[in-house]
Structure formats: structure tokens, C-alpha cells
Amino acid sequence: MFAEMWHSLTIEEVVKKLKTDDSRGLTSDEALSRFKSYGRNEIAVKRKSPAKILVRQFTNSLVIILLWQQLYQCF
């Protein structure tokens, strides 16, 4: 299923697709029904572990070259 391009729709089209009223909004019963159907209106955030973030810092080829150069100059 493709995501709707909500930004390109008119207000009337959005109101019709969402089955709501632009002046009154949703009734309490309709809001509760949609909450039960769709859940909370929030974006799930995937957390990355600090170890993975640290490892990713050293996987860049430029960083590897600079580290290699620093090791070479130390000896």
C-alpha cells in the first residue's frame, strides 16, 4: 500500500478521506473508536546502542585512513 500524499490534497479532500468534520472534529466516541483501532498517535523511535554508534564511527574509510596514518607516524 502506498502512502497518501496528504500535502497535495485540498482541505475538503482530507476531511472527506478522514471521515471527519473540519469545524467540529471527531466526536468522543469516534476518537475512542479510532484510538482502539489504530493505537496512540506517536512515532516509534528505534534506539541504537552506544556500542553500535561507536563502531560506526570507525567504519568510515576516511577515518580508517587517518587512524592508520597516525599509527604510522607514531612509529
C-alpha atoms as a PDB file:
ATOM      1  CA  MET A   1       0.000   0.000   0.000  1.00  0.00           C
ATOM      2  CA  PHE A   2       1.373   3.404  -0.955  1.00  0.00           C
ATOM      3  CA  ALA A   3       1.315   6.331   1.429  1.00  0.00           C
ATOM      4  CA  GLU A   4      -1.078   9.147   0.650  1.00  0.00           C
ATOM      5  CA  MET A   5       0.400  12.459  -0.459  1.00  0.00           C
ATOM      6  CA  TRP A   6      -1.578  14.414   2.103  1.00  0.00           C
ATOM      7  CA  HIS A   7       0.295  17.653   1.407  1.00  0.00           C
ATOM      8  CA  SER A   8      -1.059  17.759  -2.148  1.00  0.00           C
ATOM      9  CA  LEU A   9      -4.727  17.317  -1.195  1.00  0.00           C
ATOM     10  CA  THR A  10      -7.198  20.109  -0.560  1.00  0.00           C
ATOM     11  CA  ILE A  11      -8.696  20.542   2.896  1.00  0.00           C
ATOM     12  CA  GLU A  12     -12.013  19.202   1.655  1.00  0.00           C
ATOM     13  CA  GLU A  13     -10.363  16.060   0.268  1.00  0.00           C
ATOM     14  CA  VAL A  14      -8.522  15.418   3.533  1.00  0.00           C
ATOM     15  CA  VAL A  15     -11.678  15.893   5.594  1.00  0.00           C
ATOM     16  CA  LYS A  16     -13.563  13.501   3.303  1.00  0.00           C
ATOM     17  CA  LYS A  17     -10.809  10.824   3.369  1.00  0.00           C
ATOM     18  CA  LEU A  18     -10.502  11.007   7.165  1.00  0.00           C
ATOM     19  CA  LYS A  19     -14.298  10.942   7.586  1.00  0.00           C
ATOM     20  CA  THR A  20     -14.402  13.880   9.967  1.00  0.00           C
ATOM     21  CA  ASP A  21     -15.848  17.374  10.239  1.00  0.00           C
ATOM     22  CA  ASP A  22     -13.488  20.312   9.724  1.00  0.00           C
ATOM     23  CA  SER A  23     -15.411  22.610  12.054  1.00  0.00           C
ATOM     24  CA  ARG A  24     -16.236  20.208  14.905  1.00  0.00           C
ATOM     25  CA  GLY A  25     -13.587  17.468  14.635  1.00  0.00           C
ATOM     26  CA  LEU A  26     -14.251  13.968  15.925  1.00  0.00           C
ATOM     27  CA  THR A  27     -16.832  13.030  18.495  1.00  0.00           C
ATOM     28  CA  SER A  28     -15.567  11.435  21.696  1.00  0.00           C
ATOM     29  CA  ASP A  29     -16.979   8.074  20.625  1.00  0.00           C
ATOM     30  CA  GLU A  30     -15.294   8.274  17.209  1.00  0.00           C
ATOM     31  CA  ALA A  31     -11.981   9.342  18.773  1.00  0.00           C
ATOM     32  CA  LEU A  32     -12.119   6.386  21.193  1.00  0.00           C
ATOM     33  CA  SER A  33     -13.012   4.016  18.352  1.00  0.00           C
ATOM     34  CA  ARG A  34     -10.050   5.216  16.264  1.00  0.00           C
ATOM     35  CA  PHE A  35      -7.759   5.010  19.279  1.00  0.00           C
ATOM     36  CA  LYS A  36      -8.753   1.368  19.778  1.00  0.00           C
ATOM     37  CA  SER A  37      -8.289   0.623  16.065  1.00  0.00           C
ATOM     38  CA  TYR A  38      -5.033   2.485  15.376  1.00  0.00           C
ATOM     39  CA  GLY A  39      -3.431   2.998  18.794  1.00  0.00           C
ATOM     40  CA  ARG A  40      -1.579   6.045  20.055  1.00  0.00           C
ATOM     41  CA  ASN A  41      -0.616   8.819  17.660  1.00  0.00           C
ATOM     42  CA  GLU A  42       3.129   8.528  18.105  1.00  0.00           C
ATOM     43  CA  ILE A  43       6.210   7.557  16.149  1.00  0.00           C
ATOM     44  CA  ALA A  44       8.200   4.575  17.391  1.00  0.00           C
ATOM     45  CA  VAL A  45      11.845   5.513  17.883  1.00  0.00           C
ATOM     46  CA  LYS A  46      14.462   2.830  17.374  1.00  0.00           C
ATOM     47  CA  ARG A  47      17.278   3.338  19.849  1.00  0.00           C
ATOM     48  CA  LYS A  48      20.800   2.394  18.856  1.00  0.00           C
ATOM     49  CA  SER A  49      23.184   1.105  21.470  1.00  0.00           C
ATOM     50  CA  PRO A  50      26.183   3.302  22.289  1.00  0.00           C
ATOM     51  CA  ALA A  51      28.473   0.440  21.241  1.00  0.00           C
ATOM     52  CA  LYS A  52      26.976   0.366  17.738  1.00  0.00           C
ATOM     53  CA  ILE A  53      27.304   4.133  17.437  1.00  0.00           C
ATOM     54  CA  LEU A  54      30.967   3.911  18.451  1.00  0.00           C
ATOM     55  CA  VAL A  55      31.676   1.122  15.947  1.00  0.00           C
ATOM     56  CA  ARG A  56      30.007   3.089  13.145  1.00  0.00           C
ATOM     57  CA  GLN A  57      32.347   5.997  13.841  1.00  0.00           C
ATOM     58  CA  PHE A  58      35.301   3.839  12.820  1.00  0.00           C
ATOM     59  CA  THR A  59      33.803   2.201   9.718  1.00  0.00           C
ATOM     60  CA  ASN A  60      34.194   5.307   7.575  1.00  0.00           C
ATOM     61  CA  SER A  61      37.094   4.808   5.152  1.00  0.00           C
ATOM     62  CA  LEU A  62      38.466   8.323   5.720  1.00  0.00           C
ATOM     63  CA  VAL A  63      38.589   7.747   9.475  1.00  0.00           C
ATOM     64  CA  ILE A  64      40.415   4.454   8.932  1.00  0.00           C
ATOM     65  CA  ILE A  65      42.980   6.172   6.680  1.00  0.00           C
ATOM     66  CA  LEU A  66      43.554   8.930   9.240  1.00  0.00           C
ATOM     67  CA  LEU A  67      43.942   6.436  12.086  1.00  0.00           C
ATOM     68  CA  TRP A  68      46.369   4.363  10.018  1.00  0.00           C
ATOM     69  CA  GLN A  69      48.376   7.498   9.242  1.00  0.00           C
ATOM     70  CA  GLN A  70      48.509   8.425  12.930  1.00  0.00           C
ATOM     71  CA  LEU A  71      49.746   4.945  13.854  1.00  0.00           C
ATOM     72  CA  TYR A  72      52.373   5.143  11.101  1.00  0.00           C
ATOM     73  CA  GLN A  73      53.684   8.467  12.423  1.00  0.00           C
ATOM     74  CA  CYS A  74      53.936   7.177  15.973  1.00  0.00           C
ATOM     75  CA  PHE A  75      56.471   4.521  14.895  1.00  0.00           C
END
